[in-house]
Protein backbone atom coordinates (compact mmCIF):
# COMPACT_ATOMS: atom_id res chain seq x y z
CA MET A 1 -104.36 -93.60 -16.00
CA GLN A 2 -101.52 -93.36 -13.20
CA VAL A 3 -99.40 -95.82 -15.66
CA ASP A 4 -100.20 -93.46 -18.58
CA SER A 5 -98.98 -90.22 -16.88
CA SER A 6 -95.95 -91.84 -15.12
CA THR A 7 -94.98 -93.83 -18.66
CA ASN A 8 -95.14 -90.40 -20.41
CA ILE A 9 -93.09 -88.54 -17.49
CA SER A 10 -90.62 -91.20 -18.03
CA ASP A 11 -90.38 -90.93 -22.12
CA SER A 12 -90.23 -86.98 -21.75
CA SER A 13 -87.30 -87.67 -19.26
CA ASN A 14 -85.25 -90.15 -21.95
CA ALA A 15 -86.08 -87.97 -24.68
CA ALA A 16 -84.56 -84.76 -22.90
CA GLY A 17 -81.69 -86.89 -21.43
CA LEU A 18 -80.96 -88.02 -25.09
CA GLN A 19 -81.36 -84.59 -26.63
CA ALA A 20 -78.55 -82.96 -23.77
CA GLN A 21 -76.41 -85.39 -24.93
CA ILE A 22 -76.86 -84.96 -28.47
CA GLN A 23 -76.08 -81.16 -27.57
CA ASN A 24 -72.98 -81.88 -25.68
CA LEU A 25 -71.87 -84.38 -28.74
CA THR A 26 -72.50 -81.20 -31.04
CA ASP A 27 -70.77 -78.85 -28.84
CA LEU A 28 -67.37 -80.98 -28.29
CA TYR A 29 -67.21 -81.60 -32.13
CA ASN A 30 -67.31 -77.77 -33.09
CA ARG A 31 -64.92 -77.08 -30.29
CA VAL A 32 -62.16 -80.08 -31.82
CA THR A 33 -62.87 -78.58 -35.33
CA ALA A 34 -61.89 -75.10 -34.05
CA LEU A 35 -58.58 -76.50 -32.74
CA ARG A 36 -57.65 -77.80 -36.23
CA CYS A 37 -56.36 -74.07 -36.97
CA ILE A 38 -53.77 -74.41 -33.34
CA PRO A 39 -50.97 -76.54 -34.53
CA PRO A 40 -49.66 -74.58 -37.83
CA HIS A 41 -49.56 -71.68 -35.06
CA LEU A 42 -47.80 -73.55 -32.40
CA LEU A 43 -45.22 -74.99 -34.82
CA ARG A 44 -44.72 -70.86 -36.05
CA SER A 45 -41.74 -69.53 -34.53
CA PRO A 46 -41.69 -65.40 -33.70
CA SER A 47 -38.99 -63.93 -35.57
CA GLN A 48 -38.26 -61.58 -32.38
CA PRO A 49 -38.72 -63.43 -29.44
CA SER A 50 -39.50 -61.81 -26.11
CA PRO A 51 -41.09 -62.41 -22.83
CA LEU A 52 -43.96 -59.91 -23.31
CA SER A 53 -44.33 -60.85 -27.41
CA PRO A 54 -47.95 -61.16 -28.78
CA ALA A 55 -46.73 -65.06 -30.55
CA GLN A 56 -46.37 -66.25 -26.50
CA ASN A 57 -49.47 -64.90 -25.50
CA ASP A 58 -51.10 -66.36 -28.49
CA ILE A 59 -49.47 -69.80 -27.88
CA ARG A 60 -50.59 -69.64 -24.07
CA SER A 61 -54.07 -68.93 -25.12
CA HIS A 62 -54.04 -71.86 -27.46
CA PHE A 63 -52.93 -74.49 -24.84
CA THR A 64 -55.11 -73.11 -22.70
CA GLN A 65 -58.33 -74.13 -24.97
CA LEU A 66 -56.40 -77.38 -25.89
CA HIS A 67 -56.44 -78.08 -22.16
CA GLN A 68 -60.31 -76.59 -21.67
CA VAL A 69 -61.30 -79.23 -24.79
CA ALA A 70 -59.28 -82.13 -22.65
CA ASP A 71 -61.18 -81.53 -19.90
CA THR A 72 -64.58 -81.29 -21.52
CA ILE A 73 -63.65 -85.04 -23.02
CA ARG A 74 -62.76 -86.36 -19.85
CA SER A 75 -66.23 -84.75 -18.15
CA SER A 76 -68.78 -87.35 -17.02
CA PRO A 77 -71.53 -85.97 -19.20
CA VAL A 78 -69.71 -86.13 -22.56
CA GLN A 79 -68.19 -89.40 -21.87
CA GLN A 80 -71.63 -90.82 -20.60
CA ALA A 81 -72.72 -89.18 -24.39
CA LEU A 82 -70.00 -91.03 -25.80
CA LYS A 83 -71.08 -94.03 -24.52
CA CYS A 84 -74.41 -94.04 -25.60
CA ALA A 85 -73.36 -93.38 -28.94
CA GLN A 86 -71.07 -96.13 -29.14
CA SER A 87 -73.80 -98.79 -27.81
CA SER A 88 -76.17 -97.07 -30.44
CA PHE A 89 -73.49 -97.64 -33.14
CA GLU A 90 -73.17 -101.15 -32.66
CA SER A 91 -76.56 -102.02 -32.16
CA ASP A 92 -77.66 -100.07 -35.85
CA PRO A 93 -74.69 -98.56 -37.53
CA THR A 94 -76.85 -97.88 -40.62
CA GLU A 95 -77.23 -93.99 -41.77
CA LEU A 96 -74.57 -92.91 -39.93
CA THR A 97 -72.55 -90.06 -41.85
CA THR A 98 -69.13 -88.95 -40.25
CA ASN A 99 -70.15 -85.45 -41.13
CA PRO A 100 -73.05 -84.06 -38.94
CA ARG A 101 -73.49 -80.83 -40.95
CA ARG A 102 -75.85 -80.59 -43.96
CA GLU A 103 -74.61 -82.24 -47.13
CA ASN A 104 -74.37 -79.33 -49.69
CA ARG A 105 -76.23 -81.11 -52.92
CA LYS A 106 -75.57 -79.20 -55.78
CA ARG A 107 -77.47 -79.48 -58.62
CA ARG A 108 -75.71 -80.48 -61.53
CA ARG A 109 -76.95 -79.30 -65.10
CA PRO A 110 -77.43 -81.22 -67.94
CA PRO A 111 -74.55 -81.12 -70.26
CA THR A 112 -74.83 -79.12 -73.78
CA PRO A 113 -75.00 -80.01 -77.12
CA GLU A 114 -71.59 -78.10 -77.43
CA SER A 115 -70.02 -79.33 -74.62
CA PRO A 116 -67.47 -82.82 -75.31
CA GLN A 117 -68.84 -86.09 -74.92
CA PRO A 118 -67.15 -88.62 -72.58
CA TYR A 119 -64.95 -91.35 -74.96
CA VAL A 120 -66.71 -94.60 -75.12
CA ASN A 121 -64.32 -97.35 -76.33
CA VAL A 122 -66.53 -99.51 -78.62
CA GLU A 123 -64.92 -102.38 -80.22
CA PRO A 124 -65.29 -102.61 -83.70
CA THR A 125 -67.95 -105.40 -85.19
CA ARG A 126 -65.94 -107.63 -87.32
CA PRO A 127 -67.61 -108.30 -90.47
CA PRO A 128 -68.34 -112.16 -91.11
CA LEU A 129 -65.65 -113.90 -93.76
CA PHE A 130 -68.16 -116.33 -94.95
CA PRO A 131 -71.67 -115.61 -96.15
CA PRO A 132 -74.36 -116.81 -93.75
CA LEU A 133 -76.68 -119.96 -95.22
CA ASP A 134 -79.99 -119.07 -96.41
CA SER A 135 -83.01 -119.37 -93.75
CA ALA A 136 -84.40 -122.59 -95.62
CA ALA A 137 -81.08 -123.84 -96.00
CA SER A 138 -79.19 -125.99 -93.20
CA PRO A 139 -75.64 -127.14 -92.56
CA LEU A 140 -74.70 -130.59 -94.88
CA SER A 141 -74.50 -133.61 -93.77
CA LEU A 142 -73.07 -136.89 -95.63
CA HIS A 143 -76.59 -137.92 -96.37
CA ASP A 144 -77.04 -134.60 -98.22
CA LEU A 145 -73.90 -134.32 -99.72
CA HIS A 146 -74.74 -136.37 -103.16
CA ASP A 147 -77.88 -134.61 -104.13
CA TYR A 148 -75.75 -131.07 -102.97
CA VAL A 149 -72.90 -132.09 -105.78
CA LEU A 150 -75.47 -132.99 -108.23
CA GLN A 151 -77.56 -129.46 -107.43
CA PHE A 152 -74.26 -127.63 -107.40
CA ASN A 153 -72.96 -128.99 -111.16
CA CYS A 154 -76.19 -128.15 -112.60
CA SER A 155 -76.34 -124.27 -111.69
CA HIS A 156 -72.43 -123.43 -111.76
CA LYS A 157 -69.37 -123.35 -114.72
CA SER A 158 -67.11 -125.10 -111.98
CA ARG A 159 -67.47 -128.92 -111.39
CA LEU A 160 -67.35 -130.74 -107.66
CA HIS A 161 -66.69 -134.15 -107.46
CA ILE A 162 -66.56 -136.68 -104.15
CA TRP A 163 -62.76 -137.63 -105.13
CA HIS A 164 -61.33 -140.96 -103.93
CA HIS A 165 -57.58 -142.46 -104.35
CA THR A 166 -57.06 -144.69 -107.27
CA PRO A 167 -57.25 -147.32 -106.32
CA PRO A 168 -58.88 -146.95 -102.77
CA PRO A 169 -56.63 -148.24 -100.11
CA SER A 170 -57.86 -151.33 -98.37
CA THR A 171 -57.60 -149.87 -95.10
CA SER A 172 -59.59 -146.54 -95.83
CA SER A 173 -62.87 -145.56 -95.13
CA THR A 174 -66.01 -146.02 -97.20
CA LYS A 175 -67.30 -142.90 -96.11
CA PRO A 176 -66.02 -139.75 -98.64
CA ARG A 177 -63.81 -137.27 -97.04
CA ILE A 178 -62.67 -135.15 -99.83
CA LEU A 179 -64.32 -132.95 -102.47
CA ARG A 180 -62.37 -131.88 -105.88
CA LEU A 181 -63.67 -128.52 -107.49
CA ILE A 182 -62.78 -128.13 -110.96
CA THR A 183 -62.71 -124.34 -112.50
CA PRO A 184 -61.69 -125.00 -116.41
CA ASP A 185 -58.65 -123.38 -116.91
CA VAL A 186 -58.15 -121.59 -113.59
CA LEU A 187 -57.64 -123.81 -110.44
CA THR A 188 -58.30 -127.23 -108.84
CA ALA A 189 -58.88 -127.49 -105.25
CA TYR A 190 -59.39 -130.19 -102.68
CA VAL A 191 -61.31 -129.52 -100.04
CA THR A 192 -60.63 -132.27 -96.86
CA PHE A 193 -63.98 -132.19 -94.36
CA ASP A 194 -65.23 -134.10 -91.28
CA THR A 195 -67.93 -134.29 -89.35
CA LYS A 196 -68.21 -131.75 -86.28
CA SER A 197 -68.71 -134.20 -83.74
CA GLU A 198 -70.37 -137.87 -82.82
CA SER A 199 -73.63 -135.88 -82.02
CA ASP A 200 -73.41 -133.69 -84.49
CA PRO A 201 -73.49 -134.85 -88.14
CA ALA A 202 -72.81 -131.52 -89.74
CA LEU A 203 -69.81 -130.86 -91.93
CA VAL A 204 -67.02 -128.96 -91.53
CA VAL A 205 -64.22 -128.35 -93.82
CA GLU A 206 -60.54 -129.21 -92.15
CA THR A 207 -57.99 -128.17 -94.94
CA VAL A 208 -58.27 -126.37 -98.54
CA SER A 209 -55.44 -126.97 -101.29
CA THR A 210 -55.82 -125.43 -104.36
CA PHE A 211 -53.11 -125.95 -107.76
CA GLY A 212 -53.13 -125.08 -111.58
CA SER A 213 -55.68 -126.24 -113.49
CA ARG A 214 -53.16 -128.53 -114.91
CA GLU A 215 -51.36 -129.77 -112.06
CA LYS A 216 -51.51 -133.46 -111.06
CA LYS A 217 -50.97 -133.11 -107.14
CA ALA A 218 -51.92 -135.33 -104.37
CA PRO A 219 -54.84 -133.15 -102.17
CA HIS A 220 -52.32 -132.53 -99.25
CA SER A 221 -49.39 -131.61 -101.06
CA GLN A 222 -48.38 -128.01 -102.19
CA SER A 223 -48.88 -126.02 -105.68
CA ASN A 224 -45.66 -125.29 -107.52
CA PHE A 225 -46.92 -121.93 -108.40
CA ALA A 226 -46.92 -119.15 -105.96
CA VAL A 227 -50.60 -118.14 -106.37
CA PHE A 228 -51.92 -120.80 -105.70
CA ARG A 229 -50.31 -121.52 -102.58
CA GLN A 230 -50.75 -117.82 -101.28
CA VAL A 231 -55.06 -118.75 -102.14
CA SER A 232 -54.32 -121.63 -100.36
CA GLN A 233 -52.91 -119.62 -97.42
CA GLN A 234 -55.75 -116.94 -97.22
CA ILE A 235 -57.99 -119.86 -97.07
CA SER A 236 -56.47 -121.33 -94.10
CA LYS A 237 -56.51 -117.88 -92.21
CA MET A 238 -60.32 -117.76 -92.90
CA LEU A 239 -60.74 -121.44 -91.57
CA HIS A 240 -58.87 -120.90 -88.52
CA SER A 241 -60.63 -117.92 -87.53
CA GLU A 242 -64.31 -119.37 -88.23
CA PRO A 243 -63.61 -123.18 -88.10
CA ASP A 244 -67.29 -123.95 -88.12
CA ALA A 245 -67.94 -122.25 -91.37
CA PRO A 246 -70.79 -124.54 -93.28
CA LEU A 247 -69.19 -126.31 -96.26
CA GLN A 248 -71.52 -124.52 -98.77
CA SER A 249 -70.01 -121.25 -97.86
CA VAL A 250 -66.67 -122.70 -98.48
CA ILE A 251 -67.54 -124.09 -101.86
CA ASP A 252 -69.01 -120.66 -102.46
CA LEU A 253 -65.76 -119.19 -101.52
CA LEU A 254 -64.03 -121.10 -103.87
CA ASN A 255 -66.36 -120.61 -106.91
CA SER A 256 -65.53 -116.81 -106.51
CA TYR A 257 -62.03 -117.53 -108.00
CA GLU A 258 -63.28 -118.57 -111.34
CA ALA A 259 -62.05 -115.28 -112.70
CA LEU A 260 -58.86 -115.16 -110.55
CA PHE A 261 -56.60 -113.58 -113.28
CA VAL A 262 -59.39 -111.18 -114.62
CA ASP A 263 -60.75 -109.45 -111.56
CA PRO A 264 -59.58 -106.60 -110.41
CA CYS A 265 -58.56 -105.76 -106.93
CA HIS A 266 -61.77 -103.61 -105.55
CA LEU A 267 -59.17 -101.11 -103.67
CA CYS A 268 -56.43 -100.21 -106.13
CA THR A 269 -58.39 -101.42 -109.29
CA ARG A 270 -55.51 -102.99 -110.40
CA VAL A 271 -55.42 -106.69 -111.51
CA LEU A 272 -51.57 -107.33 -110.70
CA THR A 273 -49.69 -106.11 -107.73
CA VAL A 274 -46.97 -103.78 -108.66
CA GLU A 275 -44.56 -105.51 -106.78
CA GLY A 276 -45.15 -109.48 -108.03
CA HIS A 277 -47.24 -109.41 -110.29
CA VAL A 278 -50.03 -111.54 -108.24
CA PRO A 279 -53.55 -111.22 -108.86
CA PRO A 280 -56.07 -110.52 -105.80
CA VAL A 281 -55.92 -113.52 -104.01
CA VAL A 282 -58.21 -112.30 -100.89
CA ARG A 283 -62.08 -112.63 -101.08
CA VAL A 284 -63.79 -110.30 -98.68
CA TRP A 285 -67.82 -110.87 -98.20
CA SER A 286 -69.86 -107.59 -98.08
CA GLU A 287 -73.46 -107.29 -98.12
CA ILE A 288 -75.10 -104.04 -99.49
CA ASP A 289 -78.76 -104.01 -99.09
CA GLY A 290 -78.93 -107.36 -98.41
CA VAL A 291 -77.36 -108.58 -100.97
CA GLY A 292 -73.81 -109.81 -100.87
CA LYS A 293 -71.04 -110.73 -103.27
CA TRP A 294 -67.01 -111.60 -103.03
CA LYS A 295 -64.79 -108.54 -103.45
CA PRO A 296 -61.27 -109.44 -104.90
CA LYS A 297 -58.96 -107.44 -103.03
CA HIS A 298 -54.51 -107.60 -103.23
CA VAL A 299 -52.80 -109.19 -99.82
CA SER A 300 -50.82 -106.11 -99.83
CA CYS A 301 -54.06 -103.50 -100.48
CA LYS A 302 -55.02 -101.86 -97.10
């Protein structure tokens, strides 16, 4: 019982000493805060100085306050309180604010519907350049190419062929690398393709070259007509933006040019441009209510 009573007395004395140190630091903070208005008074010169002017009396009183605060800081109780505060901060610096006064937290009202909303920079989503494959379809491989060509020729007016050199060079590979699409009386397109990688057998398109239906050109040359050169350029831009476009989607794009000189631009509703007299060589894929189609557009129409 004697040990418990002595422990209680020790705890009470420690609490009283800590409370006295907190009170000394609080009083010192209030006095230092009150000194913030003194420097402007010290720098202000009196308009008519005199030995007994009120301004000089104020300056003397301000210096007196400064000396009193300095004596208070140098006093033993305040120095002991500062040392204890420093040691407490070094042992546990959490939950320490520079302002001992209660923080004035204002309740924020929710914004009204009429108030302007903050600007949020949302990047527009770019529509796909090529139509996506059906859920049941998969990217073509060399093994599936022959069956795809037969199926395409049975369901379209255009004709798709696996193209080879005539006669084939002795050093060339036996694997097909070029497809030729012939749209009667419109164009002939050569599609150069290859496998995506050694581990992925999917076929991807490398280049597309279009020519007039009666032109006799090599697959890697250019057409003599500006309209077919522009078609090749537009398809090359699309392939540059989506290099992994499936081969079926590129063939579907080429097949949409079967009415190149008939379909009007979906923006200006004209077949030929006013300047240059060029048909709509751009194709834009659009889906409405799950139904997609290619829309023709002039290069100059925005």
